[in-house]
Amino acid sequence: MSNSQPRSIHLHLVSDATGETLISISKAVMAQYEGISAQEHMHMLVRSSRQMKRTLQKIEMQPGIVLHTVLNIRLVEELEKRCAELKIPSIPVLDGITKIFDQYLGADHKPLISGQHTMDASYFRRIDALNFTMEHDDGRLPANINDADIILLGISRTTKTPTGIYLAQRGYKTTNVPLVPSLPFPKALLDPHDAFVVCLIASPDRIAEVRQHRSQMLSDKDLDDYIDRSQIAEEISYSRRICARNGWPVIDVTRRSVEETAATILQLKHDRETEKSVQGPQSES
């Protein structure tokens, strides 16, 4: 990278909805540019000419790259005309994708503002999954295990709760079970059920670091075993033994974000379901 390149840019995200798509895309793009940061300016729910004018005034004050998901043609024309006058790029991030879909499907798309947030069956399934997950956090298993889509196992501080919440936002009813060697393992999980079980682990150093921070926040001085690396290593070994006996996959989350962990879980779940469908019904042994 030459010294003439900017180390920081202004990045304007203009949306007629919540802007979640733009936020995800901008993060993915900026991650490709080492040493360059973006100061993001959020312009959400821009649905009128008056709102667009206010947005353009802010863009003029701090010009930079503009990404937008605005569907109203008149508003798009206002935005792109002013960006051209300011000599800054204005990128309709979904246009290329929808054009390819139009060509492949042989049909024109119908612009729908905030279409991904329509309150349809999928929306209410996500809400239901989130309520279920919050009610069945930290070992509070449902009376019927089959009510859960995914069960997360793991010792303390392996991101079970945030991963479960993320999965719930994707529509999967998730519960999590803390693994403690000194406590009996829930018998319900050893009985036949349809929920997908996966265990999360991390390196002893990483877990010790997180537990240390937590113990300091709680001002608890009696947590020597909790943060002891050798004790943590034994807890991890216990987790692996439990999973090996039951054929449950294990995911090391040490260097994974919650989103990456969730994606891996869903891929494993999909692979397991595909394998079962290929094998067909099996008689009980």
C-alpha atoms as a PDB file:
ATOM      1  CA  MET A   1       0.000   0.000   0.000  1.00  0.00           C
ATOM      2  CA  SER A   2       1.463   3.355  -1.013  1.00  0.00           C
ATOM      3  CA  ASN A   3       1.812   6.198   1.448  1.00  0.00           C
ATOM      4  CA  SER A   4      -0.626   8.276  -0.628  1.00  0.00           C
ATOM      5  CA  GLN A   5      -3.525   5.989   0.224  1.00  0.00           C
ATOM      6  CA  PRO A   6      -5.847   7.186   3.004  1.00  0.00           C
ATOM      7  CA  ARG A   7      -5.567   5.429   6.339  1.00  0.00           C
ATOM      8  CA  SER A   8      -9.115   6.331   7.276  1.00  0.00           C
ATOM      9  CA  ILE A   9     -12.194   6.971   5.153  1.00  0.00           C
ATOM     10  CA  HIS A  10     -15.743   8.113   5.640  1.00  0.00           C
ATOM     11  CA  LEU A  11     -18.232   5.393   4.744  1.00  0.00           C
ATOM     12  CA  HIS A  12     -21.877   6.403   4.396  1.00  0.00           C
ATOM     13  CA  LEU A  13     -24.516   3.659   4.659  1.00  0.00           C
ATOM     14  CA  VAL A  14     -27.858   4.807   3.259  1.00  0.00           C
ATOM     15  CA  SER A  15     -30.887   2.551   3.616  1.00  0.00           C
ATOM     16  CA  ASP A  16     -34.646   2.827   3.447  1.00  0.00           C
ATOM     17  CA  ALA A  17     -34.830   0.078   6.091  1.00  0.00           C
ATOM     18  CA  THR A  18     -32.751  -0.894   9.136  1.00  0.00           C
ATOM     19  CA  GLY A  19     -29.441  -1.054   7.282  1.00  0.00           C
ATOM     20  CA  GLU A  20     -28.460  -4.498   8.547  1.00  0.00           C
ATOM     21  CA  THR A  21     -27.482  -5.647   5.059  1.00  0.00           C
ATOM     22  CA  LEU A  22     -25.228  -2.624   4.550  1.00  0.00           C
ATOM     23  CA  ILE A  23     -23.602  -3.032   7.936  1.00  0.00           C
ATOM     24  CA  SER A  24     -22.706  -6.651   7.193  1.00  0.00           C
ATOM     25  CA  ILE A  25     -21.412  -5.848   3.715  1.00  0.00           C
ATOM     26  CA  SER A  26     -19.319  -2.887   4.872  1.00  0.00           C
ATOM     27  CA  LYS A  27     -17.679  -4.927   7.622  1.00  0.00           C
ATOM     28  CA  ALA A  28     -16.896  -7.743   5.186  1.00  0.00           C
ATOM     29  CA  VAL A  29     -15.375  -5.324   2.664  1.00  0.00           C
ATOM     30  CA  MET A  30     -13.307  -3.269   5.116  1.00  0.00           C
ATOM     31  CA  ALA A  31     -11.875  -6.435   6.630  1.00  0.00           C
ATOM     32  CA  GLN A  32     -10.017  -6.897   3.321  1.00  0.00           C
ATOM     33  CA  TYR A  33      -8.025  -3.677   3.749  1.00  0.00           C
ATOM     34  CA  GLU A  34      -5.342  -3.937   6.376  1.00  0.00           C
ATOM     35  CA  GLY A  35      -4.317  -0.637   7.898  1.00  0.00           C
ATOM     36  CA  ILE A  36      -7.357   1.274   6.611  1.00  0.00           C
ATOM     37  CA  SER A  37     -10.251   2.062   8.909  1.00  0.00           C
ATOM     38  CA  ALA A  38     -13.717   3.347   8.087  1.00  0.00           C
ATOM     39  CA  GLN A  39     -15.701   5.897  10.027  1.00  0.00           C
ATOM     40  CA  GLU A  40     -19.239   4.673   9.410  1.00  0.00           C
ATOM     41  CA  HIS A  41     -22.113   7.112   9.104  1.00  0.00           C
ATOM     42  CA  MET A  42     -25.522   5.465   9.407  1.00  0.00           C
ATOM     43  CA  HIS A  43     -28.471   6.917   7.481  1.00  0.00           C
ATOM     44  CA  MET A  44     -31.351   4.528   8.127  1.00  0.00           C
ATOM     45  CA  LEU A  45     -35.061   4.615   7.219  1.00  0.00           C
ATOM     46  CA  VAL A  46     -34.509   7.173   4.444  1.00  0.00           C
ATOM     47  CA  ARG A  47     -37.895   7.052   2.679  1.00  0.00           C
ATOM     48  CA  SER A  48     -38.730  10.612   1.683  1.00  0.00           C
ATOM     49  CA  SER A  49     -37.136  13.422  -0.328  1.00  0.00           C
ATOM     50  CA  ARG A  50     -36.827  15.478   2.855  1.00  0.00           C
ATOM     51  CA  GLN A  51     -34.942  12.693   4.604  1.00  0.00           C
ATOM     52  CA  MET A  52     -32.702  12.219   1.573  1.00  0.00           C
ATOM     53  CA  LYS A  53     -31.846  15.939   1.523  1.00  0.00           C
ATOM     54  CA  ARG A  54     -30.761  15.777   5.169  1.00  0.00           C
ATOM     55  CA  THR A  55     -28.693  12.699   4.376  1.00  0.00           C
ATOM     56  CA  LEU A  56     -27.003  14.416   1.436  1.00  0.00           C
ATOM     57  CA  GLN A  57     -26.114  17.401   3.614  1.00  0.00           C
ATOM     58  CA  LYS A  58     -24.322  15.072   6.022  1.00  0.00           C
ATOM     59  CA  ILE A  59     -22.524  13.342   3.143  1.00  0.00           C
ATOM     60  CA  GLU A  60     -21.385  16.745   1.804  1.00  0.00           C
ATOM     61  CA  MET A  61     -19.907  17.628   5.199  1.00  0.00           C
ATOM     62  CA  GLN A  62     -17.816  14.422   5.336  1.00  0.00           C
ATOM     63  CA  PRO A  63     -17.553  13.025   1.797  1.00  0.00           C
ATOM     64  CA  GLY A  64     -16.530   9.427   1.256  1.00  0.00           C
ATOM     65  CA  ILE A  65     -17.796   6.179  -0.209  1.00  0.00           C
ATOM     66  CA  VAL A  66     -21.584   5.776  -0.228  1.00  0.00           C
ATOM     67  CA  LEU A  67     -23.209   2.337  -0.061  1.00  0.00           C
ATOM     68  CA  HIS A  68     -26.968   2.223  -0.379  1.00  0.00           C
ATOM     69  CA  THR A  69     -29.972  -0.092  -0.469  1.00  0.00           C
ATOM     70  CA  VAL A  70     -32.607   2.464  -1.427  1.00  0.00           C
ATOM     71  CA  LEU A  71     -35.410   1.161  -3.665  1.00  0.00           C
ATOM     72  CA  ASN A  72     -37.326   4.354  -4.505  1.00  0.00           C
ATOM     73  CA  ILE A  73     -36.039   5.329  -7.964  1.00  0.00           C
ATOM     74  CA  ARG A  74     -36.565   9.034  -7.404  1.00  0.00           C
ATOM     75  CA  LEU A  75     -34.564   8.985  -4.184  1.00  0.00           C
ATOM     76  CA  VAL A  76     -31.825   6.928  -5.820  1.00  0.00           C
ATOM     77  CA  GLU A  77     -31.565   9.503  -8.593  1.00  0.00           C
ATOM     78  CA  GLU A  78     -31.223  12.320  -6.010  1.00  0.00           C
ATOM     79  CA  LEU A  79     -28.518  10.407  -4.186  1.00  0.00           C
ATOM     80  CA  GLU A  80     -26.503   9.406  -7.233  1.00  0.00           C
ATOM     81  CA  LYS A  81     -26.752  12.824  -8.875  1.00  0.00           C
ATOM     82  CA  ARG A  82     -25.368  14.592  -5.807  1.00  0.00           C
ATOM     83  CA  CYS A  83     -22.641  11.981  -5.305  1.00  0.00           C
ATOM     84  CA  ALA A  84     -21.580  12.480  -8.945  1.00  0.00           C
ATOM     85  CA  GLU A  85     -21.376  16.241  -8.342  1.00  0.00           C
ATOM     86  CA  LEU A  86     -19.237  15.606  -5.261  1.00  0.00           C
ATOM     87  CA  LYS A  87     -17.111  13.149  -7.267  1.00  0.00           C
ATOM     88  CA  ILE A  88     -17.577  10.362  -4.735  1.00  0.00           C
ATOM     89  CA  PRO A  89     -18.689   6.773  -5.469  1.00  0.00           C
ATOM     90  CA  SER A  90     -22.288   5.760  -4.850  1.00  0.00           C
ATOM     91  CA  ILE A  91     -22.820   2.000  -4.906  1.00  0.00           C
ATOM     92  CA  PRO A  92     -26.247   0.273  -4.981  1.00  0.00           C
ATOM     93  CA  VAL A  93     -25.002  -2.922  -3.348  1.00  0.00           C
ATOM     94  CA  LEU A  94     -27.925  -5.176  -4.345  1.00  0.00           C
ATOM     95  CA  ASP A  95     -28.255  -4.158  -7.999  1.00  0.00           C
ATOM     96  CA  GLY A  96     -25.699  -6.589  -9.397  1.00  0.00           C
ATOM     97  CA  ILE A  97     -27.204  -9.497  -7.498  1.00  0.00           C
ATOM     98  CA  THR A  98     -30.813  -8.777  -8.445  1.00  0.00           C
ATOM     99  CA  LYS A  99     -29.875  -8.373 -12.122  1.00  0.00           C
ATOM    100  CA  ILE A 100     -28.285 -11.819 -12.132  1.00  0.00           C
ATOM    101  CA  PHE A 101     -31.378 -13.281 -10.432  1.00  0.00           C
ATOM    102  CA  ASP A 102     -33.632 -11.550 -12.975  1.00  0.00           C
ATOM    103  CA  GLN A 103     -31.657 -13.054 -15.869  1.00  0.00           C
ATOM    104  CA  TYR A 104     -31.453 -16.524 -14.366  1.00  0.00           C
ATOM    105  CA  LEU A 105     -35.099 -16.694 -13.297  1.00  0.00           C
ATOM    106  CA  GLY A 106     -36.435 -14.962 -16.387  1.00  0.00           C
ATOM    107  CA  ALA A 107     -38.500 -12.682 -14.162  1.00  0.00           C
ATOM    108  CA  ASP A 108     -38.281  -9.129 -12.881  1.00  0.00           C
ATOM    109  CA  HIS A 109     -37.942  -8.619  -9.138  1.00  0.00           C
ATOM    110  CA  LYS A 110     -40.496  -6.578  -7.229  1.00  0.00           C
ATOM    111  CA  PRO A 111     -38.797  -3.970  -4.998  1.00  0.00           C
ATOM    112  CA  LEU A 112     -40.036  -4.303  -1.428  1.00  0.00           C
ATOM    113  CA  ILE A 113     -38.739  -2.001   1.290  1.00  0.00           C
ATOM    114  CA  SER A 114     -37.524  -3.961   4.309  1.00  0.00           C
ATOM    115  CA  GLY A 115     -38.711  -7.148   2.642  1.00  0.00           C
ATOM    116  CA  GLN A 116     -36.396  -9.287   4.736  1.00  0.00           C
ATOM    117  CA  HIS A 117     -38.196  -8.034   7.854  1.00  0.00           C
ATOM    118  CA  THR A 118     -41.710  -8.949   6.721  1.00  0.00           C
ATOM    119  CA  MET A 119     -43.806 -10.247   9.609  1.00  0.00           C
ATOM    120  CA  ASP A 120     -44.458 -13.634   8.041  1.00  0.00           C
ATOM    121  CA  ALA A 121     -44.228 -17.162   9.429  1.00  0.00           C
ATOM    122  CA  SER A 122     -40.435 -16.993   9.308  1.00  0.00           C
ATOM    123  CA  TYR A 123     -40.423 -13.816  11.406  1.00  0.00           C
ATOM    124  CA  PHE A 124     -42.620 -15.298  14.117  1.00  0.00           C
ATOM    125  CA  ARG A 125     -40.538 -18.494  14.084  1.00  0.00           C
ATOM    126  CA  ARG A 126     -37.461 -16.406  14.934  1.00  0.00           C
ATOM    127  CA  ILE A 127     -39.304 -14.647  17.760  1.00  0.00           C
ATOM    128  CA  ASP A 128     -40.510 -18.009  19.097  1.00  0.00           C
ATOM    129  CA  ALA A 129     -36.972 -19.398  18.904  1.00  0.00           C
ATOM    130  CA  LEU A 130     -35.552 -16.409  20.772  1.00  0.00           C
ATOM    131  CA  ASN A 131     -38.126 -16.722  23.566  1.00  0.00           C
ATOM    132  CA  PHE A 132     -37.413 -20.462  23.817  1.00  0.00           C
ATOM    133  CA  THR A 133     -33.658 -19.901  23.970  1.00  0.00           C
ATOM    134  CA  MET A 134     -33.883 -17.248  26.678  1.00  0.00           C
ATOM    135  CA  GLU A 135     -36.159 -19.489  28.761  1.00  0.00           C
ATOM    136  CA  HIS A 136     -33.832 -22.493  28.421  1.00  0.00           C
ATOM    137  CA  ASP A 137     -30.444 -20.932  29.083  1.00  0.00           C
ATOM    138  CA  ASP A 138     -27.785 -22.329  31.425  1.00  0.00           C
ATOM    139  CA  GLY A 139     -29.022 -25.888  31.869  1.00  0.00           C
ATOM    140  CA  ARG A 140     -32.757 -25.223  31.946  1.00  0.00           C
ATOM    141  CA  LEU A 141     -33.636 -28.053  29.594  1.00  0.00           C
ATOM    142  CA  PRO A 142     -37.154 -28.206  28.153  1.00  0.00           C
ATOM    143  CA  ALA A 143     -39.447 -30.928  29.496  1.00  0.00           C
ATOM    144  CA  ASN A 144     -39.362 -32.468  26.027  1.00  0.00           C
ATOM    145  CA  ILE A 145     -35.833 -32.454  24.581  1.00  0.00           C
ATOM    146  CA  ASN A 146     -37.309 -32.765  21.094  1.00  0.00           C
ATOM    147  CA  ASP A 147     -38.663 -29.221  21.449  1.00  0.00           C
ATOM    148  CA  ALA A 148     -35.071 -28.000  20.997  1.00  0.00           C
ATOM    149  CA  ASP A 149     -33.424 -27.823  17.582  1.00  0.00           C
ATOM    150  CA  ILE A 150     -29.886 -27.468  18.951  1.00  0.00           C
ATOM    151  CA  ILE A 151     -28.303 -28.254  22.328  1.00  0.00           C
ATOM    152  CA  LEU A 152     -24.982 -26.608  23.159  1.00  0.00           C
ATOM    153  CA  LEU A 153     -22.690 -28.287  25.672  1.00  0.00           C
ATOM    154  CA  GLY A 154     -19.586 -26.752  27.190  1.00  0.00           C
ATOM    155  CA  ILE A 155     -17.759 -25.773  30.322  1.00  0.00           C
ATOM    156  CA  SER A 156     -18.080 -22.260  31.709  1.00  0.00           C
ATOM    157  CA  ARG A 157     -17.017 -19.392  29.414  1.00  0.00           C
ATOM    158  CA  THR A 158     -17.164 -21.167  26.057  1.00  0.00           C
ATOM    159  CA  THR A 159     -19.664 -18.669  24.510  1.00  0.00           C
ATOM    160  CA  LYS A 160     -22.659 -20.996  24.822  1.00  0.00           C
ATOM    161  CA  THR A 161     -25.197 -18.277  25.628  1.00  0.00           C
ATOM    162  CA  PRO A 162     -24.241 -15.720  22.936  1.00  0.00           C
ATOM    163  CA  THR A 163     -23.994 -18.505  20.354  1.00  0.00           C
ATOM    164  CA  GLY A 164     -27.428 -19.770  21.371  1.00  0.00           C
ATOM    165  CA  ILE A 165     -28.945 -16.307  21.048  1.00  0.00           C
ATOM    166  CA  TYR A 166     -27.388 -15.856  17.619  1.00  0.00           C
ATOM    167  CA  LEU A 167     -28.784 -19.212  16.490  1.00  0.00           C
ATOM    168  CA  ALA A 168     -32.188 -18.233  17.852  1.00  0.00           C
ATOM    169  CA  GLN A 169     -32.115 -15.109  15.698  1.00  0.00           C
ATOM    170  CA  ARG A 170     -31.696 -17.471  12.762  1.00  0.00           C
ATOM    171  CA  GLY A 171     -34.837 -19.338  13.868  1.00  0.00           C
ATOM    172  CA  TYR A 172     -33.317 -22.285  15.773  1.00  0.00           C
ATOM    173  CA  LYS A 173     -34.625 -23.138  19.236  1.00  0.00           C
ATOM    174  CA  THR A 174     -31.446 -23.564  21.258  1.00  0.00           C
ATOM    175  CA  THR A 175     -30.681 -24.588  24.817  1.00  0.00           C
ATOM    176  CA  ASN A 176     -27.323 -24.944  26.513  1.00  0.00           C
ATOM    177  CA  VAL A 177     -25.976 -27.237  29.198  1.00  0.00           C
ATOM    178  CA  PRO A 178     -22.951 -26.336  31.347  1.00  0.00           C
ATOM    179  CA  LEU A 179     -20.549 -29.266  31.750  1.00  0.00           C
ATOM    180  CA  VAL A 180     -19.274 -29.620  35.327  1.00  0.00           C
ATOM    181  CA  PRO A 181     -17.295 -32.807  36.085  1.00  0.00           C
ATOM    182  CA  SER A 182     -18.442 -32.837  39.717  1.00  0.00           C
ATOM    183  CA  LEU A 183     -22.139 -32.778  38.753  1.00  0.00           C
ATOM    184  CA  PRO A 184     -24.163 -35.593  37.152  1.00  0.00           C
ATOM    185  CA  PHE A 185     -24.696 -35.333  33.424  1.00  0.00           C
ATOM    186  CA  PRO A 186     -28.373 -34.784  32.431  1.00  0.00           C
ATOM    187  CA  LYS A 187     -29.872 -38.212  31.755  1.00  0.00           C
ATOM    188  CA  ALA A 188     -32.409 -36.738  29.318  1.00  0.00           C
ATOM    189  CA  LEU A 189     -29.606 -36.053  26.835  1.00  0.00           C
ATOM    190  CA  LEU A 190     -28.563 -39.712  26.853  1.00  0.00           C
ATOM    191  CA  ASP A 191     -32.043 -40.907  25.929  1.00  0.00           C
ATOM    192  CA  PRO A 192     -33.073 -40.998  22.243  1.00  0.00           C
ATOM    193  CA  HIS A 193     -34.010 -37.562  20.908  1.00  0.00           C
ATOM    194  CA  ASP A 194     -33.913 -35.540  17.688  1.00  0.00           C
ATOM    195  CA  ALA A 195     -32.093 -32.406  18.874  1.00  0.00           C
ATOM    196  CA  PHE A 196     -28.652 -31.731  17.393  1.00  0.00           C
ATOM    197  CA  VAL A 197     -26.037 -31.785  20.169  1.00  0.00           C
ATOM    198  CA  VAL A 198     -22.678 -30.049  19.812  1.00  0.00           C
ATOM    199  CA  CYS A 199     -19.977 -29.193  22.349  1.00  0.00           C
ATOM    200  CA  LEU A 200     -17.992 -25.947  22.486  1.00  0.00           C
ATOM    201  CA  ILE A 201     -14.469 -25.865  23.872  1.00  0.00           C
ATOM    202  CA  ALA A 202     -11.599 -23.368  23.907  1.00  0.00           C
ATOM    203  CA  SER A 203      -7.951 -23.379  24.913  1.00  0.00           C
ATOM    204  CA  PRO A 204      -7.227 -23.445  28.662  1.00  0.00           C
ATOM    205  CA  ASP A 205      -5.382 -20.125  28.354  1.00  0.00           C
ATOM    206  CA  ARG A 206      -8.321 -18.436  26.676  1.00  0.00           C
ATOM    207  CA  ILE A 207     -10.859 -19.770  29.166  1.00  0.00           C
ATOM    208  CA  ALA A 208      -8.630 -18.860  32.113  1.00  0.00           C
ATOM    209  CA  GLU A 209      -8.296 -15.313  30.781  1.00  0.00           C
ATOM    210  CA  VAL A 210     -12.048 -14.859  30.390  1.00  0.00           C
ATOM    211  CA  ARG A 211     -12.781 -16.427  33.773  1.00  0.00           C
ATOM    212  CA  GLN A 212     -10.175 -14.187  35.394  1.00  0.00           C
ATOM    213  CA  HIS A 213     -11.936 -11.094  34.045  1.00  0.00           C
ATOM    214  CA  ARG A 214     -15.279 -12.417  35.252  1.00  0.00           C
ATOM    215  CA  SER A 215     -13.988 -13.175  38.740  1.00  0.00           C
ATOM    216  CA  GLN A 216     -12.571  -9.656  38.992  1.00  0.00           C
ATOM    217  CA  MET A 217     -15.921  -8.193  37.955  1.00  0.00           C
ATOM    218  CA  LEU A 218     -17.649 -10.271  40.629  1.00  0.00           C
ATOM    219  CA  SER A 219     -14.944  -9.421  43.203  1.00  0.00           C
ATOM    220  CA  ASP A 220     -14.939 -13.087  44.183  1.00  0.00           C
ATOM    221  CA  LYS A 221     -11.677 -14.166  45.853  1.00  0.00           C
ATOM    222  CA  ASP A 222     -12.604 -17.858  46.188  1.00  0.00           C
ATOM    223  CA  LEU A 223     -12.285 -18.850  42.553  1.00  0.00           C
ATOM    224  CA  ASP A 224      -8.794 -20.360  42.456  1.00  0.00           C
ATOM    225  CA  ASP A 225      -9.986 -23.654  40.952  1.00  0.00           C
ATOM    226  CA  TYR A 226     -12.234 -21.802  38.530  1.00  0.00           C
ATOM    227  CA  ILE A 227      -9.293 -19.998  36.905  1.00  0.00           C
ATOM    228  CA  ASP A 228      -6.651 -22.716  37.367  1.00  0.00           C
ATOM    229  CA  ARG A 229      -5.351 -23.820  33.952  1.00  0.00           C
ATOM    230  CA  SER A 230      -4.763 -27.440  34.933  1.00  0.00           C
ATOM    231  CA  GLN A 231      -8.290 -27.643  36.318  1.00  0.00           C
ATOM    232  CA  ILE A 232      -9.656 -26.105  33.124  1.00  0.00           C
ATOM    233  CA  ALA A 233      -7.681 -28.615  31.027  1.00  0.00           C
ATOM    234  CA  GLU A 234      -9.333 -31.451  32.974  1.00  0.00           C
ATOM    235  CA  GLU A 235     -12.767 -29.909  32.369  1.00  0.00           C
ATOM    236  CA  ILE A 236     -12.009 -29.807  28.643  1.00  0.00           C
ATOM    237  CA  SER A 237     -10.863 -33.453  28.699  1.00  0.00           C
ATOM    238  CA  TYR A 238     -14.100 -34.363  30.453  1.00  0.00           C
ATOM    239  CA  SER A 239     -16.058 -32.551  27.724  1.00  0.00           C
ATOM    240  CA  ARG A 240     -14.221 -34.446  24.997  1.00  0.00           C
ATOM    241  CA  ARG A 241     -14.818 -37.808  26.704  1.00  0.00           C
ATOM    242  CA  ILE A 242     -18.545 -37.167  27.041  1.00  0.00           C
ATOM    243  CA  CYS A 243     -18.800 -36.245  23.355  1.00  0.00           C
ATOM    244  CA  ALA A 244     -16.641 -39.120  22.134  1.00  0.00           C
ATOM    245  CA  ARG A 245     -18.885 -41.622  23.938  1.00  0.00           C
ATOM    246  CA  ASN A 246     -22.010 -40.189  22.353  1.00  0.00           C
ATOM    247  CA  GLY A 247     -20.730 -39.250  18.901  1.00  0.00           C
ATOM    248  CA  TRP A 248     -21.326 -35.527  19.418  1.00  0.00           C
ATOM    249  CA  PRO A 249     -19.140 -33.077  17.475  1.00  0.00           C
ATOM    250  CA  VAL A 250     -16.775 -30.701  19.264  1.00  0.00           C
ATOM    251  CA  ILE A 251     -15.963 -27.169  18.069  1.00  0.00           C
ATOM    252  CA  ASP A 252     -12.946 -25.212  19.308  1.00  0.00           C
ATOM    253  CA  VAL A 253     -14.113 -21.591  19.605  1.00  0.00           C
ATOM    254  CA  THR A 254     -10.761 -20.137  20.719  1.00  0.00           C
ATOM    255  CA  ARG A 255     -10.259 -18.121  17.540  1.00  0.00           C
ATOM    256  CA  ARG A 256     -13.834 -18.078  16.271  1.00  0.00           C
ATOM    257  CA  SER A 257     -16.381 -15.309  16.462  1.00  0.00           C
ATOM    258  CA  VAL A 258     -19.887 -16.208  17.603  1.00  0.00           C
ATOM    259  CA  GLU A 259     -21.041 -15.859  13.992  1.00  0.00           C
ATOM    260  CA  GLU A 260     -18.367 -18.299  12.773  1.00  0.00           C
ATOM    261  CA  THR A 261     -19.217 -20.769  15.520  1.00  0.00           C
ATOM    262  CA  ALA A 262     -22.917 -20.609  14.642  1.00  0.00           C
ATOM    263  CA  ALA A 263     -22.159 -21.093  10.937  1.00  0.00           C
ATOM    264  CA  THR A 264     -20.069 -24.174  11.726  1.00  0.00           C
ATOM    265  CA  ILE A 265     -22.850 -25.605  13.912  1.00  0.00           C
ATOM    266  CA  LEU A 266     -25.444 -25.123  11.185  1.00  0.00           C
ATOM    267  CA  GLN A 267     -23.154 -26.722   8.601  1.00  0.00           C
ATOM    268  CA  LEU A 268     -22.592 -29.745  10.860  1.00  0.00           C
ATOM    269  CA  LYS A 269     -26.338 -29.952  11.520  1.00  0.00           C
ATOM    270  CA  HIS A 270     -27.075 -29.802   7.805  1.00  0.00           C
ATOM    271  CA  ASP A 271     -24.458 -32.462   7.057  1.00  0.00           C
ATOM    272  CA  ARG A 272     -25.917 -34.743   9.729  1.00  0.00           C
ATOM    273  CA  GLU A 273     -29.455 -34.315   8.362  1.00  0.00           C
ATOM    274  CA  THR A 274     -28.252 -34.929   4.799  1.00  0.00           C
ATOM    275  CA  GLU A 275     -26.449 -38.074   5.899  1.00  0.00           C
ATOM    276  CA  LYS A 276     -29.596 -39.364   7.600  1.00  0.00           C
ATOM    277  CA  SER A 277     -31.766 -38.640   4.565  1.00  0.00           C
ATOM    278  CA  VAL A 278     -29.330 -40.499   2.294  1.00  0.00           C
ATOM    279  CA  GLN A 279     -29.187 -43.494   4.629  1.00  0.00           C
ATOM    280  CA  GLY A 280     -32.953 -43.618   4.983  1.00  0.00           C
ATOM    281  CA  PRO A 281     -34.871 -44.979   8.007  1.00  0.00           C
ATOM    282  CA  GLN A 282     -32.726 -47.183  10.216  1.00  0.00           C
ATOM    283  CA  SER A 283     -34.078 -49.894  12.449  1.00  0.00           C
ATOM    284  CA  GLU A 284     -33.220 -49.545  16.112  1.00  0.00           C
ATOM    285  CA  SER A 285     -30.284 -51.734  17.110  1.00  0.00           C
END
